[in-house]
Amino acid sequence: MRTPEPFTLFTSDAVRIDAGHFPGEGGLCFVLAHGFTCSWRQPALRRIANVLNRRGGVIALDFRGHGRSAGLSTVGDREVLDIEAAVAAARRRGYERVVVAGFSMGGAVAVRHAGLHGGIDAVVAVSAPARWYYRGTVPMRRVHWAIERRSGRLAVRLARGTRVARNGWKPVPEAPHEVAGRIAPAPFLIVHGDADPFLPLEHAQQLYDAAQEPRELWIEPSFGHAEVAVTRDLIERIADWGAAQR
């Protein structure tokens, strides 16, 4: 596995973001965005970064309130500014093409960033929610407990080191499906497993239906949820897709 160059980013709202740069050739850089309670320094994310790194550079970041980054997690709202800082860092390093690849919460943020800020060459959303407040599965009800209840926020801070803002959203930000139609003309790839225990396939379909061409929907047999379940083969196919976007 390649050793990344750790570095620090600062967002437009002055939050310090921990990141790592895996240098690559060919003018392509993937910005890797993790899911809720994860970190780019964890083995699962490092594994993904190293596979993507075979096709280009990689900038992996810890969202605010996660890992070694400062601030508090807003669970998909202001994290668009974290991705914007990473995209700007990729451009400063001379990368001509930037593909944002997000998993779960990171996929929702990637969609929102692409729709609201643009400035990227393609976006991939893996196991991403299409809308907020979904509680239709037991795992998602646990996620909401970790976000909305004081006891849940304390538990996730002690167990995972994730610091969640306590006041919630004011106002509620646009949901991913509400901004997906603005991503075009950048290519948009939606990847979802038919064995996802958190989010059913209807979320992927809602994102796809809301998006404009060029768009693709991959329904992966027996694939569970996000970083932990993704296979090397699937990461390689995502990397190949990203490298093919011009």
C-alpha atoms as a PDB file:
ATOM      1  CA  MET A   1       0.000   0.000   0.000  1.00  0.00           C
ATOM      2  CA  ARG A   2       1.279   3.469  -0.855  1.00  0.00           C
ATOM      3  CA  THR A   3       2.026   5.922   1.914  1.00  0.00           C
ATOM      4  CA  PRO A   4      -0.024   9.120   1.519  1.00  0.00           C
ATOM      5  CA  GLU A   5       1.111  12.640   2.222  1.00  0.00           C
ATOM      6  CA  PRO A   6      -0.989  13.948   5.150  1.00  0.00           C
ATOM      7  CA  PHE A   7      -1.952  17.612   4.875  1.00  0.00           C
ATOM      8  CA  THR A   8      -4.425  20.137   6.217  1.00  0.00           C
ATOM      9  CA  LEU A   9      -7.235  21.939   4.421  1.00  0.00           C
ATOM     10  CA  PHE A  10      -9.263  24.928   5.551  1.00  0.00           C
ATOM     11  CA  THR A  11     -12.835  25.368   4.387  1.00  0.00           C
ATOM     12  CA  SER A  12     -14.484  28.633   3.412  1.00  0.00           C
ATOM     13  CA  ASP A  13     -16.140  28.694   6.845  1.00  0.00           C
ATOM     14  CA  ALA A  14     -12.736  28.238   8.543  1.00  0.00           C
ATOM     15  CA  VAL A  15     -12.964  24.584   9.603  1.00  0.00           C
ATOM     16  CA  ARG A  16      -9.685  22.656   9.671  1.00  0.00           C
ATOM     17  CA  ILE A  17      -9.917  19.422   7.654  1.00  0.00           C
ATOM     18  CA  ASP A  18      -7.487  16.504   7.885  1.00  0.00           C
ATOM     19  CA  ALA A  19      -6.657  14.984   4.503  1.00  0.00           C
ATOM     20  CA  GLY A  20      -4.224  12.721   2.726  1.00  0.00           C
ATOM     21  CA  HIS A  21      -2.826  12.927  -0.797  1.00  0.00           C
ATOM     22  CA  PHE A  22      -1.922   9.797  -2.743  1.00  0.00           C
ATOM     23  CA  PRO A  23      -0.010  11.232  -5.757  1.00  0.00           C
ATOM     24  CA  GLY A  24      -0.919   9.923  -9.188  1.00  0.00           C
ATOM     25  CA  GLU A  25      -0.198  10.359 -12.860  1.00  0.00           C
ATOM     26  CA  GLY A  26      -2.334  11.230 -15.858  1.00  0.00           C
ATOM     27  CA  GLY A  27      -3.990  14.410 -14.703  1.00  0.00           C
ATOM     28  CA  LEU A  28      -6.859  12.637 -12.876  1.00  0.00           C
ATOM     29  CA  CYS A  29      -7.619  12.932  -9.160  1.00  0.00           C
ATOM     30  CA  PHE A  30     -10.306  11.171  -7.139  1.00  0.00           C
ATOM     31  CA  VAL A  31     -11.647  12.980  -4.082  1.00  0.00           C
ATOM     32  CA  LEU A  32     -12.649  10.228  -1.656  1.00  0.00           C
ATOM     33  CA  ALA A  33     -15.502  11.037   0.738  1.00  0.00           C
ATOM     34  CA  HIS A  34     -16.283   8.631   3.594  1.00  0.00           C
ATOM     35  CA  GLY A  35     -19.498   7.700   5.372  1.00  0.00           C
ATOM     36  CA  PHE A  36     -20.819   8.706   8.789  1.00  0.00           C
ATOM     37  CA  THR A  37     -18.398   7.887  11.686  1.00  0.00           C
ATOM     38  CA  CYS A  38     -15.633   6.804   9.294  1.00  0.00           C
ATOM     39  CA  SER A  39     -12.203   8.305   8.530  1.00  0.00           C
ATOM     40  CA  TRP A  40      -9.848   8.267   5.565  1.00  0.00           C
ATOM     41  CA  ARG A  41      -7.194   6.787   7.874  1.00  0.00           C
ATOM     42  CA  GLN A  42      -9.217   3.618   8.506  1.00  0.00           C
ATOM     43  CA  PRO A  43      -8.185   0.422   6.677  1.00  0.00           C
ATOM     44  CA  ALA A  44     -11.372   0.238   4.587  1.00  0.00           C
ATOM     45  CA  LEU A  45     -10.879   3.755   3.202  1.00  0.00           C
ATOM     46  CA  ARG A  46      -7.137   3.234   2.729  1.00  0.00           C
ATOM     47  CA  ARG A  47      -7.923   0.087   0.738  1.00  0.00           C
ATOM     48  CA  ILE A  48     -10.307   2.012  -1.510  1.00  0.00           C
ATOM     49  CA  ALA A  49      -7.816   4.867  -1.926  1.00  0.00           C
ATOM     50  CA  ASN A  50      -5.038   2.501  -2.961  1.00  0.00           C
ATOM     51  CA  VAL A  51      -7.193   0.890  -5.660  1.00  0.00           C
ATOM     52  CA  LEU A  52      -8.321   4.280  -7.007  1.00  0.00           C
ATOM     53  CA  ASN A  53      -4.683   5.375  -6.915  1.00  0.00           C
ATOM     54  CA  ARG A  54      -3.908   2.906  -9.704  1.00  0.00           C
ATOM     55  CA  ARG A  55      -5.887   5.162 -12.066  1.00  0.00           C
ATOM     56  CA  GLY A  56      -4.862   8.592 -10.757  1.00  0.00           C
ATOM     57  CA  GLY A  57      -4.182  10.685  -7.715  1.00  0.00           C
ATOM     58  CA  VAL A  58      -6.404  10.520  -4.650  1.00  0.00           C
ATOM     59  CA  ILE A  59      -7.241  13.143  -2.050  1.00  0.00           C
ATOM     60  CA  ALA A  60      -9.028  11.538   0.885  1.00  0.00           C
ATOM     61  CA  LEU A  61     -10.475  13.689   3.639  1.00  0.00           C
ATOM     62  CA  ASP A  62     -12.069  13.457   7.053  1.00  0.00           C
ATOM     63  CA  PHE A  63     -15.314  15.392   7.136  1.00  0.00           C
ATOM     64  CA  ARG A  64     -15.744  17.965   9.890  1.00  0.00           C
ATOM     65  CA  GLY A  65     -16.381  16.332  13.248  1.00  0.00           C
ATOM     66  CA  HIS A  66     -14.701  13.111  12.099  1.00  0.00           C
ATOM     67  CA  GLY A  67     -11.248  11.694  12.769  1.00  0.00           C
ATOM     68  CA  ARG A  68      -8.592  14.386  13.114  1.00  0.00           C
ATOM     69  CA  SER A  69     -10.671  17.136  11.511  1.00  0.00           C
ATOM     70  CA  ALA A  70     -11.995  19.996  13.612  1.00  0.00           C
ATOM     71  CA  GLY A  71     -15.583  21.186  13.901  1.00  0.00           C
ATOM     72  CA  LEU A  72     -18.832  19.309  14.324  1.00  0.00           C
ATOM     73  CA  SER A  73     -20.576  16.997  11.885  1.00  0.00           C
ATOM     74  CA  THR A  74     -23.689  18.445  10.272  1.00  0.00           C
ATOM     75  CA  VAL A  75     -24.396  15.043   8.699  1.00  0.00           C
ATOM     76  CA  GLY A  76     -24.513  16.114   5.065  1.00  0.00           C
ATOM     77  CA  ASP A  77     -25.162  19.859   5.164  1.00  0.00           C
ATOM     78  CA  ARG A  78     -22.020  21.999   5.479  1.00  0.00           C
ATOM     79  CA  GLU A  79     -19.814  19.067   4.513  1.00  0.00           C
ATOM     80  CA  VAL A  80     -20.179  20.295   0.921  1.00  0.00           C
ATOM     81  CA  LEU A  81     -17.622  22.941   1.927  1.00  0.00           C
ATOM     82  CA  ASP A  82     -15.217  20.178   2.990  1.00  0.00           C
ATOM     83  CA  ILE A  83     -15.420  18.608  -0.466  1.00  0.00           C
ATOM     84  CA  GLU A  84     -15.071  22.022  -2.091  1.00  0.00           C
ATOM     85  CA  ALA A  85     -11.795  22.533  -0.184  1.00  0.00           C
ATOM     86  CA  ALA A  86     -10.532  19.123  -1.331  1.00  0.00           C
ATOM     87  CA  VAL A  87     -11.449  19.805  -4.971  1.00  0.00           C
ATOM     88  CA  ALA A  88      -9.619  23.139  -4.799  1.00  0.00           C
ATOM     89  CA  ALA A  89      -6.584  21.351  -3.346  1.00  0.00           C
ATOM     90  CA  ALA A  90      -6.605  18.895  -6.252  1.00  0.00           C
ATOM     91  CA  ARG A  91      -6.698  21.752  -8.766  1.00  0.00           C
ATOM     92  CA  ARG A  92      -3.797  23.491  -6.984  1.00  0.00           C
ATOM     93  CA  ARG A  93      -1.787  20.301  -7.354  1.00  0.00           C
ATOM     94  CA  GLY A  94      -2.248  20.477 -11.105  1.00  0.00           C
ATOM     95  CA  TYR A  95      -4.873  17.801 -11.652  1.00  0.00           C
ATOM     96  CA  GLU A  96      -6.902  18.582 -14.755  1.00  0.00           C
ATOM     97  CA  ARG A  97      -9.803  16.210 -14.000  1.00  0.00           C
ATOM     98  CA  VAL A  98     -11.427  15.702 -10.599  1.00  0.00           C
ATOM     99  CA  VAL A  99     -13.884  12.908  -9.840  1.00  0.00           C
ATOM    100  CA  VAL A 100     -15.602  12.949  -6.435  1.00  0.00           C
ATOM    101  CA  ALA A 101     -16.440   9.482  -5.093  1.00  0.00           C
ATOM    102  CA  GLY A 102     -18.573   9.367  -1.947  1.00  0.00           C
ATOM    103  CA  PHE A 103     -19.866   6.522   0.189  1.00  0.00           C
ATOM    104  CA  SER A 104     -23.130   6.588   2.177  1.00  0.00           C
ATOM    105  CA  MET A 105     -23.239  10.040   3.866  1.00  0.00           C
ATOM    106  CA  GLY A 106     -20.241  10.959   1.725  1.00  0.00           C
ATOM    107  CA  GLY A 107     -22.238   9.991  -1.348  1.00  0.00           C
ATOM    108  CA  ALA A 108     -25.043  12.327  -0.308  1.00  0.00           C
ATOM    109  CA  VAL A 109     -22.506  15.109   0.229  1.00  0.00           C
ATOM    110  CA  ALA A 110     -20.883  14.388  -3.137  1.00  0.00           C
ATOM    111  CA  VAL A 111     -24.254  14.689  -4.884  1.00  0.00           C
ATOM    112  CA  ARG A 112     -25.107  17.908  -3.054  1.00  0.00           C
ATOM    113  CA  HIS A 113     -21.670  19.387  -3.766  1.00  0.00           C
ATOM    114  CA  ALA A 114     -21.890  18.549  -7.470  1.00  0.00           C
ATOM    115  CA  GLY A 115     -25.396  19.995  -7.716  1.00  0.00           C
ATOM    116  CA  LEU A 116     -24.790  23.130  -5.656  1.00  0.00           C
ATOM    117  CA  HIS A 117     -21.130  23.989  -6.357  1.00  0.00           C
ATOM    118  CA  GLY A 118     -20.141  22.152  -9.539  1.00  0.00           C
ATOM    119  CA  GLY A 119     -16.530  22.464 -10.620  1.00  0.00           C
ATOM    120  CA  ILE A 120     -15.975  18.712 -10.873  1.00  0.00           C
ATOM    121  CA  ASP A 121     -15.622  16.450 -13.886  1.00  0.00           C
ATOM    122  CA  ALA A 122     -17.704  13.526 -12.620  1.00  0.00           C
ATOM    123  CA  VAL A 123     -19.323  12.273  -9.416  1.00  0.00           C
ATOM    124  CA  VAL A 124     -19.918   8.804  -7.972  1.00  0.00           C
ATOM    125  CA  ALA A 125     -22.417   8.117  -5.168  1.00  0.00           C
ATOM    126  CA  VAL A 126     -22.143   4.673  -3.549  1.00  0.00           C
ATOM    127  CA  SER A 127     -24.869   3.520  -1.113  1.00  0.00           C
ATOM    128  CA  ALA A 128     -26.127   7.090  -0.818  1.00  0.00           C
ATOM    129  CA  PRO A 129     -29.454   8.248   0.617  1.00  0.00           C
ATOM    130  CA  ALA A 130     -31.668  10.155  -1.790  1.00  0.00           C
ATOM    131  CA  ARG A 131     -33.650  11.924   0.917  1.00  0.00           C
ATOM    132  CA  TRP A 132     -33.403  12.860   4.584  1.00  0.00           C
ATOM    133  CA  TYR A 133     -35.069  11.351   7.663  1.00  0.00           C
ATOM    134  CA  TYR A 134     -35.406   7.851   6.251  1.00  0.00           C
ATOM    135  CA  ARG A 135     -36.134   5.465   9.149  1.00  0.00           C
ATOM    136  CA  GLY A 136     -37.410   2.440   7.272  1.00  0.00           C
ATOM    137  CA  THR A 137     -34.664   0.048   8.453  1.00  0.00           C
ATOM    138  CA  VAL A 138     -33.287  -0.787  11.894  1.00  0.00           C
ATOM    139  CA  PRO A 139     -29.757   0.451  11.027  1.00  0.00           C
ATOM    140  CA  MET A 140     -31.129   3.821   9.893  1.00  0.00           C
ATOM    141  CA  ARG A 141     -33.182   4.160  13.064  1.00  0.00           C
ATOM    142  CA  ARG A 142     -29.937   3.651  14.995  1.00  0.00           C
ATOM    143  CA  VAL A 143     -28.228   6.324  12.875  1.00  0.00           C
ATOM    144  CA  HIS A 144     -30.991   8.789  13.715  1.00  0.00           C
ATOM    145  CA  TRP A 145     -30.665   7.970  17.415  1.00  0.00           C
ATOM    146  CA  ALA A 146     -26.920   8.706  17.163  1.00  0.00           C
ATOM    147  CA  ILE A 147     -27.641  12.069  15.525  1.00  0.00           C
ATOM    148  CA  GLU A 148     -30.789  13.316  17.237  1.00  0.00           C
ATOM    149  CA  ARG A 149     -30.523  12.142  20.843  1.00  0.00           C
ATOM    150  CA  ARG A 150     -28.046  13.416  23.411  1.00  0.00           C
ATOM    151  CA  SER A 151     -27.310   9.867  24.539  1.00  0.00           C
ATOM    152  CA  GLY A 152     -26.731   8.824  20.929  1.00  0.00           C
ATOM    153  CA  ARG A 153     -24.346  11.687  20.225  1.00  0.00           C
ATOM    154  CA  LEU A 154     -22.388  10.823  23.358  1.00  0.00           C
ATOM    155  CA  ALA A 155     -22.252   7.164  22.410  1.00  0.00           C
ATOM    156  CA  VAL A 156     -20.998   7.821  18.877  1.00  0.00           C
ATOM    157  CA  ARG A 157     -18.405  10.271  20.203  1.00  0.00           C
ATOM    158  CA  LEU A 158     -17.060   7.768  22.719  1.00  0.00           C
ATOM    159  CA  ALA A 159     -17.215   4.760  20.392  1.00  0.00           C
ATOM    160  CA  ARG A 160     -16.158   6.324  17.078  1.00  0.00           C
ATOM    161  CA  GLY A 161     -14.731   9.750  17.913  1.00  0.00           C
ATOM    162  CA  THR A 162     -17.418  11.451  15.812  1.00  0.00           C
ATOM    163  CA  ARG A 163     -18.646  14.812  17.124  1.00  0.00           C
ATOM    164  CA  VAL A 164     -22.167  15.641  15.950  1.00  0.00           C
ATOM    165  CA  ALA A 165     -23.691  19.127  16.128  1.00  0.00           C
ATOM    166  CA  ARG A 166     -26.495  19.104  18.674  1.00  0.00           C
ATOM    167  CA  ASN A 167     -28.866  21.718  17.243  1.00  0.00           C
ATOM    168  CA  GLY A 168     -29.826  19.929  14.046  1.00  0.00           C
ATOM    169  CA  TRP A 169     -30.556  21.605  10.712  1.00  0.00           C
ATOM    170  CA  LYS A 170     -31.880  25.161  10.618  1.00  0.00           C
ATOM    171  CA  PRO A 171     -33.021  25.361   7.872  1.00  0.00           C
ATOM    172  CA  VAL A 172     -33.193  21.833   6.451  1.00  0.00           C
ATOM    173  CA  PRO A 173     -30.729  21.620   3.512  1.00  0.00           C
ATOM    174  CA  GLU A 174     -31.758  20.459   0.063  1.00  0.00           C
ATOM    175  CA  ALA A 175     -31.901  16.671  -0.099  1.00  0.00           C
ATOM    176  CA  PRO A 176     -29.662  14.873  -2.623  1.00  0.00           C
ATOM    177  CA  HIS A 177     -32.560  14.064  -4.978  1.00  0.00           C
ATOM    178  CA  GLU A 178     -33.584  17.722  -4.985  1.00  0.00           C
ATOM    179  CA  VAL A 179     -30.246  18.855  -6.451  1.00  0.00           C
ATOM    180  CA  ALA A 180     -29.305  15.791  -8.538  1.00  0.00           C
ATOM    181  CA  GLY A 181     -30.824  17.369 -11.654  1.00  0.00           C
ATOM    182  CA  ARG A 182     -28.250  20.174 -11.496  1.00  0.00           C
ATOM    183  CA  ILE A 183     -25.203  17.889 -11.766  1.00  0.00           C
ATOM    184  CA  ALA A 184     -25.340  17.655 -15.574  1.00  0.00           C
ATOM    185  CA  PRO A 185     -23.407  18.033 -17.792  1.00  0.00           C
ATOM    186  CA  ALA A 186     -20.950  16.325 -15.409  1.00  0.00           C
ATOM    187  CA  PRO A 187     -21.383  12.509 -15.606  1.00  0.00           C
ATOM    188  CA  PHE A 188     -23.115  10.972 -12.586  1.00  0.00           C
ATOM    189  CA  LEU A 189     -22.735   7.340 -11.476  1.00  0.00           C
ATOM    190  CA  ILE A 190     -25.024   5.857  -8.817  1.00  0.00           C
ATOM    191  CA  VAL A 191     -23.962   2.543  -7.265  1.00  0.00           C
ATOM    192  CA  HIS A 192     -26.179   0.606  -4.852  1.00  0.00           C
ATOM    193  CA  GLY A 193     -26.351  -2.929  -3.527  1.00  0.00           C
ATOM    194  CA  ASP A 194     -29.453  -5.085  -3.551  1.00  0.00           C
ATOM    195  CA  ALA A 195     -28.417  -6.354  -0.091  1.00  0.00           C
ATOM    196  CA  ASP A 196     -27.981  -2.935   1.522  1.00  0.00           C
ATOM    197  CA  PRO A 197     -29.231  -3.219   5.134  1.00  0.00           C
ATOM    198  CA  PHE A 198     -29.417   0.564   5.591  1.00  0.00           C
ATOM    199  CA  LEU A 199     -31.017   1.953   2.446  1.00  0.00           C
ATOM    200  CA  PRO A 200     -33.232   0.072  -0.031  1.00  0.00           C
ATOM    201  CA  LEU A 201     -32.847   0.349  -3.788  1.00  0.00           C
ATOM    202  CA  GLU A 202     -35.578   2.978  -3.972  1.00  0.00           C
ATOM    203  CA  HIS A 203     -32.981   5.564  -2.872  1.00  0.00           C
ATOM    204  CA  ALA A 204     -30.743   4.795  -5.853  1.00  0.00           C
ATOM    205  CA  GLN A 205     -33.725   4.856  -8.190  1.00  0.00           C
ATOM    206  CA  GLN A 206     -34.887   8.194  -6.804  1.00  0.00           C
ATOM    207  CA  LEU A 207     -31.460   9.715  -7.416  1.00  0.00           C
ATOM    208  CA  TYR A 208     -31.339   8.294 -10.930  1.00  0.00           C
ATOM    209  CA  ASP A 209     -34.841   9.518 -11.786  1.00  0.00           C
ATOM    210  CA  ALA A 210     -34.000  13.017 -10.516  1.00  0.00           C
ATOM    211  CA  ALA A 211     -30.728  13.258 -12.454  1.00  0.00           C
ATOM    212  CA  GLN A 212     -30.186  14.350 -16.049  1.00  0.00           C
ATOM    213  CA  GLU A 213     -28.033  12.674 -18.685  1.00  0.00           C
ATOM    214  CA  PRO A 214     -25.242  11.642 -18.601  1.00  0.00           C
ATOM    215  CA  ARG A 215     -26.153   9.307 -15.740  1.00  0.00           C
ATOM    216  CA  GLU A 216     -25.682   5.622 -14.910  1.00  0.00           C
ATOM    217  CA  LEU A 217     -27.200   3.312 -12.308  1.00  0.00           C
ATOM    218  CA  TRP A 218     -25.388   0.166 -11.222  1.00  0.00           C
ATOM    219  CA  ILE A 219     -27.390  -2.244  -9.075  1.00  0.00           C
ATOM    220  CA  GLU A 220     -24.840  -4.615  -7.550  1.00  0.00           C
ATOM    221  CA  PRO A 221     -25.994  -8.135  -6.598  1.00  0.00           C
ATOM    222  CA  SER A 222     -25.239  -9.180  -2.998  1.00  0.00           C
ATOM    223  CA  PHE A 223     -23.513  -5.857  -2.233  1.00  0.00           C
ATOM    224  CA  GLY A 224     -24.252  -4.521   1.233  1.00  0.00           C
ATOM    225  CA  HIS A 225     -23.487  -1.004   2.374  1.00  0.00           C
ATOM    226  CA  ALA A 226     -20.689   1.438   1.545  1.00  0.00           C
ATOM    227  CA  GLU A 227     -17.006   1.165   2.455  1.00  0.00           C
ATOM    228  CA  VAL A 228     -17.124  -1.952   4.593  1.00  0.00           C
ATOM    229  CA  ALA A 229     -18.932  -4.085   2.017  1.00  0.00           C
ATOM    230  CA  VAL A 230     -17.433  -2.820  -1.251  1.00  0.00           C
ATOM    231  CA  THR A 231     -15.299  -5.359  -3.101  1.00  0.00           C
ATOM    232  CA  ARG A 232     -12.010  -4.735  -4.861  1.00  0.00           C
ATOM    233  CA  ASP A 233     -13.642  -5.606  -8.180  1.00  0.00           C
ATOM    234  CA  LEU A 234     -16.324  -2.962  -7.679  1.00  0.00           C
ATOM    235  CA  ILE A 235     -13.757  -0.331  -6.671  1.00  0.00           C
ATOM    236  CA  GLU A 236     -11.739  -1.139  -9.796  1.00  0.00           C
ATOM    237  CA  ARG A 237     -14.819  -0.770 -11.991  1.00  0.00           C
ATOM    238  CA  ILE A 238     -15.613   2.571 -10.367  1.00  0.00           C
ATOM    239  CA  ALA A 239     -12.008   3.667 -10.925  1.00  0.00           C
ATOM    240  CA  ASP A 240     -12.188   2.613 -14.570  1.00  0.00           C
ATOM    241  CA  TRP A 241     -15.454   4.527 -15.000  1.00  0.00           C
ATOM    242  CA  GLY A 242     -13.925   7.642 -13.473  1.00  0.00           C
ATOM    243  CA  ALA A 243     -10.830   7.404 -15.648  1.00  0.00           C
ATOM    244  CA  ALA A 244     -12.974   7.091 -18.781  1.00  0.00           C
ATOM    245  CA  GLN A 245     -14.864  10.357 -18.177  1.00  0.00           C
ATOM    246  CA  ARG A 246     -13.523  13.173 -20.362  1.00  0.00           C
END
